[in-house]
């Protein structure tokens, strides 16, 4: 089932990344030329044929550490740069937004409508660049081809896989807290009202039938919520009304505080050794070792943005990271860091485990992105 999960993860997280970066670029009064270049470069890399084809190959869903490494490279595919603290916040915002959308998804199949909303909005960002628009359209066609034949059971398994992947992420987002859809613990508060999924009747009615299957009596029961009839079904084609608002851009220029995050109260974790630690460190070592130095022959004026409203807030976030006991690994060429990772990995076990045929997929993706 992992072959069906990874493309949707990157499309939806990538879409949220585009929304957040667009909001921050506009809030920081970045010139239109630079903003357009950043969007075109990131979208062009994310929807490149080689990258999408690699995502569609059979492979396991990445860990958060590896996923963030690939997304960091995507965010830095242009002249814009994010410092580690801002990249950490960006990843948290992306994950929590998509997690919320998966939670509220009326039907498992509607994951496609959420993905198509992301694709539609991204297409609008690059509408003035036909080459990039063609890349987005071609990717959209591939997604339709791959997922159109899935059964309801397969969509349910896909949704369950995503929820399991996100289950330990409980970062508080100011926008969700303000709208009262998230609790102080970082967990979402799901509504018990609104329209029911397409093809489902409004709950509250009991029909009693006789032995011939004819309805003889009706009675009602309290549902504990306020439900309404379903709206029309969204369009699953290349263009059309998706009906659902899940997956659309929820950030605005007038409220920069919408991109603020904070950690939920920590939960004591088990001290049991992680059996996959050696494999993950080996994978990270290969990822970092495979990244080539950037081509400096063409000099372009770069700029940096951050996702913090003040320098003090950024410094405090950096101080929290340094005291959290978490090792931050940057996505850049660093042979010394790669060697250190390999050394740490060797301390976990002296016995070589059978090679996982999927463990080098992240390596393939990042190496390929170097060539784009």
Protein backbone atom coordinates (compact mmCIF):
# COMPACT_ATOMS: atom_id res chain seq x y z
CA UNK A 1 0.00 0.00 0.00
CA UNK A 2 3.00 2.31 0.44
CA UNK A 3 3.22 2.70 -3.35
CA UNK A 4 -0.10 4.56 -3.21
CA UNK A 5 0.72 6.73 -0.20
CA UNK A 6 3.98 8.52 -0.99
CA UNK A 7 2.84 10.57 -4.04
CA UNK A 8 -0.13 12.01 -2.12
CA UNK A 9 2.10 12.82 0.86
CA UNK A 10 4.48 14.89 -1.28
CA UNK A 11 1.74 16.60 -3.30
CA UNK A 12 -0.25 17.65 -0.24
CA UNK A 13 2.71 18.62 1.94
CA UNK A 14 4.27 20.38 -1.04
CA UNK A 15 1.03 22.27 -1.61
CA UNK A 16 0.95 23.43 2.01
CA UNK A 17 4.59 24.50 1.70
CA UNK A 18 3.73 26.65 -1.34
CA UNK A 19 0.85 28.29 0.56
CA UNK A 20 2.99 29.13 3.59
CA UNK A 21 5.93 30.43 1.56
CA UNK A 22 3.61 32.58 -0.55
CA UNK A 23 2.15 34.10 2.62
CA UNK A 24 5.58 34.83 4.06
CA UNK A 25 6.94 36.22 0.79
CA UNK A 26 4.02 38.66 0.57
CA UNK A 27 4.26 39.55 4.27
CA UNK A 28 7.97 40.36 3.88
CA UNK A 29 7.30 42.57 0.82
CA UNK A 30 9.46 40.43 -1.46
CA UNK A 31 9.54 41.75 -5.02
CA UNK A 32 7.12 40.21 -7.51
CA UNK A 33 9.99 39.00 -9.71
CA UNK A 34 11.68 37.16 -6.85
CA UNK A 35 8.40 35.71 -5.57
CA UNK A 36 7.49 34.46 -9.05
CA UNK A 37 10.92 32.91 -9.51
CA UNK A 38 10.74 31.13 -6.15
CA UNK A 39 7.33 29.68 -6.95
CA UNK A 40 8.28 28.60 -10.46
CA UNK A 41 11.53 26.98 -9.30
CA UNK A 42 9.99 25.06 -6.39
CA UNK A 43 6.91 23.94 -8.32
CA UNK A 44 9.02 23.05 -11.35
CA UNK A 45 11.26 20.84 -9.21
CA UNK A 46 8.38 19.25 -7.29
CA UNK A 47 6.46 18.38 -10.46
CA UNK A 48 9.39 17.41 -12.64
CA UNK A 49 8.87 14.18 -14.57
CA UNK A 50 11.87 12.40 -13.05
CA UNK A 51 10.89 13.26 -9.49
CA UNK A 52 7.24 12.25 -9.89
CA UNK A 53 8.17 9.02 -11.67
CA UNK A 54 10.45 8.15 -8.76
CA UNK A 55 7.66 8.83 -6.25
CA UNK A 56 5.34 6.48 -8.12
CA UNK A 57 7.73 3.55 -7.82
CA UNK A 58 7.05 0.87 -5.15
CA UNK A 59 8.60 2.12 -1.92
CA UNK A 60 7.85 2.52 1.76
CA UNK A 61 6.56 5.71 3.33
CA UNK A 62 9.55 7.70 4.60
CA UNK A 63 10.17 8.56 8.23
CA UNK A 64 9.57 12.18 9.28
CA UNK A 65 13.33 12.74 9.41
CA UNK A 66 13.88 11.63 5.83
CA UNK A 67 10.72 13.30 4.55
CA UNK A 68 11.83 16.61 6.04
CA UNK A 69 15.23 16.22 4.38
CA UNK A 70 13.66 15.91 0.93
CA UNK A 71 11.22 18.77 1.57
CA UNK A 72 14.10 20.96 2.76
CA UNK A 73 15.82 20.41 -0.57
CA UNK A 74 12.56 21.30 -2.35
CA UNK A 75 12.19 24.52 -0.33
CA UNK A 76 15.77 25.46 -1.29
CA UNK A 77 15.33 24.71 -4.99
CA UNK A 78 15.39 28.45 -5.76
CA UNK A 79 17.19 31.60 -4.61
CA UNK A 80 15.26 31.68 -1.30
CA UNK A 81 16.78 30.20 1.85
CA UNK A 82 15.30 29.21 5.21
CA UNK A 83 17.32 28.88 8.40
CA UNK A 84 16.96 25.60 10.36
CA UNK A 85 14.47 27.05 12.86
CA UNK A 86 12.21 28.35 10.08
CA UNK A 87 12.44 25.06 8.21
CA UNK A 88 11.41 23.21 11.36
CA UNK A 89 8.38 25.47 11.73
CA UNK A 90 7.53 25.11 8.04
CA UNK A 91 7.55 21.33 8.32
CA UNK A 92 5.35 21.42 11.43
CA UNK A 93 2.83 23.66 9.69
CA UNK A 94 2.76 21.45 6.59
CA UNK A 95 2.24 18.24 8.55
CA UNK A 96 -0.41 19.60 10.92
CA UNK A 97 -2.40 21.16 8.08
CA UNK A 98 -2.45 17.93 6.09
CA UNK A 99 -3.18 15.87 9.20
CA UNK A 100 -6.20 18.08 9.89
CA UNK A 101 -7.42 17.61 6.32
CA UNK A 102 -7.06 13.82 6.54
CA UNK A 103 -9.01 13.85 9.83
CA UNK A 104 -11.88 15.85 8.33
CA UNK A 105 -11.94 13.93 5.07
CA UNK A 106 -15.67 12.89 4.71
CA UNK A 107 -14.85 9.73 2.75
CA UNK A 108 -11.48 8.03 2.27
CA UNK A 109 -11.83 8.61 -1.49
CA UNK A 110 -12.06 12.36 -0.86
CA UNK A 111 -8.32 12.32 -0.18
CA UNK A 112 -8.08 12.74 -3.94
CA UNK A 113 -10.25 15.88 -3.85
CA UNK A 114 -7.96 17.33 -1.17
CA UNK A 115 -4.95 16.54 -3.35
CA UNK A 116 -6.64 18.03 -6.41
CA UNK A 117 -7.40 21.24 -4.48
CA UNK A 118 -3.69 21.52 -3.74
CA UNK A 119 -2.81 20.90 -7.39
CA UNK A 120 -5.43 23.38 -8.64
CA UNK A 121 -4.12 26.14 -6.35
CA UNK A 122 -0.48 25.41 -7.24
CA UNK A 123 -1.42 25.60 -10.93
CA UNK A 124 -2.85 29.06 -10.29
CA UNK A 125 0.42 30.21 -8.67
CA UNK A 126 2.40 29.39 -11.83
CA UNK A 127 -0.29 30.19 -14.43
CA UNK A 128 1.99 32.69 -16.20
CA UNK A 129 4.68 30.05 -16.86
CA UNK A 130 3.31 27.58 -19.45
CA UNK A 131 6.19 25.12 -19.08
CA UNK A 132 5.56 24.68 -15.37
CA UNK A 133 1.78 24.54 -15.88
CA UNK A 134 2.32 21.66 -18.31
CA UNK A 135 4.37 19.84 -15.66
CA UNK A 136 1.56 20.27 -13.14
CA UNK A 137 -1.06 19.05 -15.63
CA UNK A 138 0.99 16.01 -16.57
CA UNK A 139 1.45 15.07 -12.92
CA UNK A 140 -2.27 15.53 -12.33
CA UNK A 141 -3.05 13.14 -15.18
CA UNK A 142 -0.69 10.53 -13.74
CA UNK A 143 -2.30 10.81 -10.30
CA UNK A 144 -5.75 10.34 -11.85
CA UNK A 145 -4.50 7.30 -13.77
CA UNK A 146 -2.87 5.69 -10.72
CA UNK A 147 -5.70 6.25 -8.22
CA UNK A 148 -8.85 6.00 -10.36
CA UNK A 149 -8.95 2.20 -10.11
CA UNK A 150 -8.59 1.98 -6.30
CA UNK A 151 -11.46 0.43 -4.34
CA UNK A 152 -13.12 1.97 -1.28
CA UNK A 153 -11.21 -0.49 0.89
CA UNK A 154 -7.88 0.57 -0.61
CA UNK A 155 -8.70 4.24 -0.03
CA UNK A 156 -9.57 3.42 3.58
CA UNK A 157 -6.23 1.65 4.01
CA UNK A 158 -4.47 4.65 2.47
CA UNK A 159 -6.18 7.02 4.91
CA UNK A 160 -5.36 4.74 7.84
CA UNK A 161 -1.70 4.64 6.77
CA UNK A 162 -1.57 8.44 6.75
CA UNK A 163 -3.22 8.75 10.16
CA UNK A 164 -0.75 6.26 11.66
CA UNK A 165 2.15 8.22 10.12
CA UNK A 166 0.89 11.50 11.65
CA UNK A 167 -0.40 10.15 14.96
CA UNK A 168 2.55 11.36 17.08
CA UNK A 169 2.52 14.93 15.69
CA UNK A 170 0.69 17.23 18.13
CA UNK A 171 2.12 20.67 17.33
CA UNK A 172 -0.17 23.55 18.26
CA UNK A 173 -0.94 25.92 15.38
CA UNK A 174 -2.25 29.40 16.17
CA UNK A 175 -4.72 29.35 13.27
CA UNK A 176 -6.30 26.10 14.49
CA UNK A 177 -6.36 27.27 18.10
CA UNK A 178 -8.00 30.54 17.10
CA UNK A 179 -10.69 28.69 15.16
CA UNK A 180 -11.16 26.29 18.10
CA UNK A 181 -10.51 23.20 16.02
CA UNK A 182 -7.44 22.27 18.07
CA UNK A 183 -7.08 21.77 21.81
CA UNK A 184 -4.16 23.02 23.94
CA UNK A 185 -2.81 19.47 23.91
CA UNK A 186 -2.31 19.74 20.15
CA UNK A 187 -5.09 17.26 19.37
CA UNK A 188 -7.91 18.17 16.98
CA UNK A 189 -11.52 18.68 18.10
CA UNK A 190 -13.73 17.09 15.46
CA UNK A 191 -17.18 18.55 14.87
CA UNK A 192 -20.37 16.51 15.28
CA UNK A 193 -22.36 18.59 12.82
CA UNK A 194 -22.40 19.52 9.15
CA UNK A 195 -23.15 17.70 5.90
CA UNK A 196 -22.75 13.92 5.80
CA UNK A 197 -20.53 12.30 3.14
CA UNK A 198 -21.89 11.96 -0.38
CA UNK A 199 -24.08 8.89 -0.75
CA UNK A 200 -24.84 8.70 3.00
CA UNK A 201 -28.21 9.46 4.59
CA UNK A 202 -28.57 11.87 7.49
CA UNK A 203 -28.52 9.80 10.75
CA UNK A 204 -31.43 9.76 13.17
CA UNK A 205 -34.00 7.56 11.41
CA UNK A 206 -34.84 3.90 12.15
CA UNK A 207 -36.78 1.93 9.53
CA UNK A 208 -38.54 -1.29 10.56
CA UNK A 209 -39.36 -3.79 7.79
CA UNK A 210 -41.51 -6.93 7.75
CA UNK A 211 -40.50 -10.39 6.55
CA UNK A 212 -41.12 -9.35 2.95
CA UNK A 213 -38.76 -6.41 3.19
CA UNK A 214 -41.47 -3.79 3.19
CA UNK A 215 -41.13 -0.81 5.50
CA UNK A 216 -43.84 -0.88 8.18
CA UNK A 217 -42.69 1.67 10.72
CA UNK A 218 -40.34 4.59 11.21
CA UNK A 219 -38.91 6.03 14.39
CA UNK A 220 -36.28 8.59 15.23
CA UNK A 221 -33.39 8.73 17.71
CA UNK A 222 -31.18 11.61 18.93
CA UNK A 223 -27.87 11.75 17.07
CA UNK A 224 -26.01 14.09 19.40
CA UNK A 225 -25.18 16.40 16.52
CA UNK A 226 -26.66 18.62 13.82
CA UNK A 227 -26.26 16.87 10.47
CA UNK A 228 -27.46 18.02 7.07
CA UNK A 229 -27.95 16.38 3.70
CA UNK A 230 -24.79 15.80 1.66
CA UNK A 231 -23.70 18.34 -0.91
CA UNK A 232 -23.06 17.28 -4.47
CA UNK A 233 -20.05 15.11 -5.17
CA UNK A 234 -16.81 16.81 -6.10
CA UNK A 235 -15.22 16.48 -9.54
CA UNK A 236 -12.40 13.93 -9.85
CA UNK A 237 -11.34 15.06 -13.35
CA UNK A 238 -8.44 17.31 -14.38
CA UNK A 239 -10.54 20.46 -13.97
CA UNK A 240 -13.78 21.02 -12.10
CA UNK A 241 -15.42 21.96 -8.80
CA UNK A 242 -13.98 19.86 -5.97
CA UNK A 243 -16.82 21.06 -3.67
CA UNK A 244 -14.79 20.49 -0.48
CA UNK A 245 -12.67 23.34 0.83
CA UNK A 246 -10.13 20.99 2.38
CA UNK A 247 -6.78 21.48 0.67
CA UNK A 248 -7.33 25.10 -0.31
CA UNK A 249 -5.09 27.95 0.82
CA UNK A 250 -6.08 28.90 4.37
CA UNK A 251 -3.37 31.54 5.00
CA UNK A 252 -3.87 35.26 4.49
CA UNK A 253 -1.53 38.22 4.36
CA UNK A 254 -3.42 40.17 7.02
CA UNK A 255 -2.79 37.60 9.76
CA UNK A 256 0.91 36.63 9.87
CA UNK A 257 0.37 35.04 13.27
CA UNK A 258 -1.43 32.20 11.48
CA UNK A 259 1.94 30.57 10.89
CA UNK A 260 2.90 30.42 14.56
CA UNK A 261 3.40 27.04 16.16
CA UNK A 262 4.24 25.76 19.62
CA UNK A 263 5.06 22.38 21.03
CA UNK A 264 2.39 20.54 23.01
CA UNK A 265 3.29 19.36 26.52
CA UNK A 266 5.81 16.58 26.18
CA UNK A 267 4.89 12.98 26.85
CA UNK A 268 7.37 10.62 28.47
CA UNK A 269 8.69 8.24 25.86
CA UNK A 270 9.99 4.74 26.20
CA UNK A 271 13.71 4.19 26.71
CA UNK A 272 13.62 1.00 24.63
CA UNK A 273 16.20 0.99 21.80
CA UNK A 274 14.97 1.84 18.32
CA UNK A 275 15.62 -1.21 16.17
CA UNK A 276 15.49 0.89 12.99
CA UNK A 277 17.96 3.51 14.20
CA UNK A 278 20.95 1.96 12.42
CA UNK A 279 19.07 1.70 9.13
CA UNK A 280 17.83 5.28 9.36
CA UNK A 281 21.29 6.65 10.17
CA UNK A 282 22.76 4.70 7.27
CA UNK A 283 20.09 6.12 4.98
CA UNK A 284 20.79 9.67 6.15
CA UNK A 285 24.51 9.18 5.64
CA UNK A 286 23.89 8.08 2.06
CA UNK A 287 21.48 10.98 1.48
CA UNK A 288 23.98 13.56 2.69
CA UNK A 289 26.87 11.91 0.90
CA UNK A 290 24.98 11.83 -2.40
CA UNK A 291 24.23 15.55 -2.48
CA UNK A 292 26.43 17.44 -4.87
CA UNK A 293 27.73 20.93 -4.32
CA UNK A 294 25.61 23.61 -5.91
CA UNK A 295 26.71 24.98 -9.26
CA UNK A 296 28.26 28.37 -8.56
CA UNK A 297 29.05 29.30 -12.16
CA UNK A 298 25.81 31.23 -12.46
CA UNK A 299 25.64 33.75 -9.65
CA UNK A 300 22.15 34.84 -8.58
CA UNK A 301 21.21 37.24 -5.82
CA UNK A 302 19.61 35.13 -3.12
CA UNK A 303 17.59 36.15 -0.10
CA UNK A 304 16.43 34.61 3.15
CA UNK A 305 13.04 34.65 4.83
CA UNK A 306 11.95 33.30 8.19
CA UNK A 307 8.64 32.16 9.59
CA UNK A 308 8.99 34.18 12.78
CA UNK A 309 7.53 37.65 13.23
CA UNK A 310 10.45 38.97 15.32
CA UNK A 311 14.15 38.22 15.70
CA UNK A 312 13.60 37.54 19.41
CA UNK A 313 11.02 34.86 18.60
CA UNK A 314 13.47 33.25 16.19
CA UNK A 315 16.27 33.26 18.77
CA UNK A 316 13.98 31.71 21.39
CA UNK A 317 12.99 28.96 18.96
CA UNK A 318 16.64 28.27 18.22
CA UNK A 319 17.39 28.09 21.94
CA UNK A 320 14.54 25.62 22.45
CA UNK A 321 15.92 23.39 19.69
CA UNK A 322 19.41 23.45 21.21
CA UNK A 323 18.05 22.37 24.61
CA UNK A 324 15.59 19.76 23.35
CA UNK A 325 18.10 16.95 22.99
CA UNK A 326 17.15 16.43 19.33
CA UNK A 327 19.91 16.29 16.74
CA UNK A 328 19.17 18.51 13.73
CA UNK A 329 20.72 17.37 10.46
CA UNK A 330 20.79 19.94 7.67
CA UNK A 331 20.21 18.93 4.06
CA UNK A 332 23.54 20.05 2.59
CA UNK A 333 26.84 18.56 1.49
CA UNK A 334 28.90 17.70 4.57
CA UNK A 335 31.32 14.79 4.31
CA UNK A 336 32.35 15.10 7.95
CA UNK A 337 28.74 14.87 9.12
CA UNK A 338 28.14 11.87 6.85
CA UNK A 339 31.19 10.13 8.32
CA UNK A 340 29.99 10.86 11.85
CA UNK A 341 26.57 9.40 11.02
CA UNK A 342 28.20 6.25 9.71
CA UNK A 343 30.28 5.99 12.89
CA UNK A 344 27.21 6.34 15.11
CA UNK A 345 25.35 3.79 13.03
CA UNK A 346 28.13 1.27 13.53
CA UNK A 347 27.73 1.49 17.29
CA UNK A 348 24.19 0.11 17.22
CA UNK A 349 25.13 -3.40 16.17
CA UNK A 350 28.09 -5.37 14.91
CA UNK A 351 25.89 -7.72 12.95
CA UNK A 352 24.90 -6.71 9.43
CA UNK A 353 21.18 -6.87 8.77
CA UNK A 354 19.74 -8.00 5.40
CA UNK A 355 19.65 -5.08 3.03
CA UNK A 356 16.22 -3.50 2.62
CA UNK A 357 15.51 -3.06 -1.10
CA UNK A 358 13.56 0.11 -0.27
CA UNK A 359 16.11 1.86 1.94
CA UNK A 360 17.89 3.69 -0.89
CA UNK A 361 14.80 5.32 -2.37
CA UNK A 362 15.36 8.59 -0.52
CA UNK A 363 18.89 8.56 -1.88
CA UNK A 364 17.52 8.21 -5.42
CA UNK A 365 15.13 11.13 -4.94
CA UNK A 366 17.68 13.55 -3.53
CA UNK A 367 20.38 12.57 -6.00
CA UNK A 368 17.92 13.11 -8.81
CA UNK A 369 16.92 16.53 -7.45
CA UNK A 370 20.59 17.57 -7.67
CA UNK A 371 20.41 17.04 -11.42
CA UNK A 372 17.23 19.07 -11.97
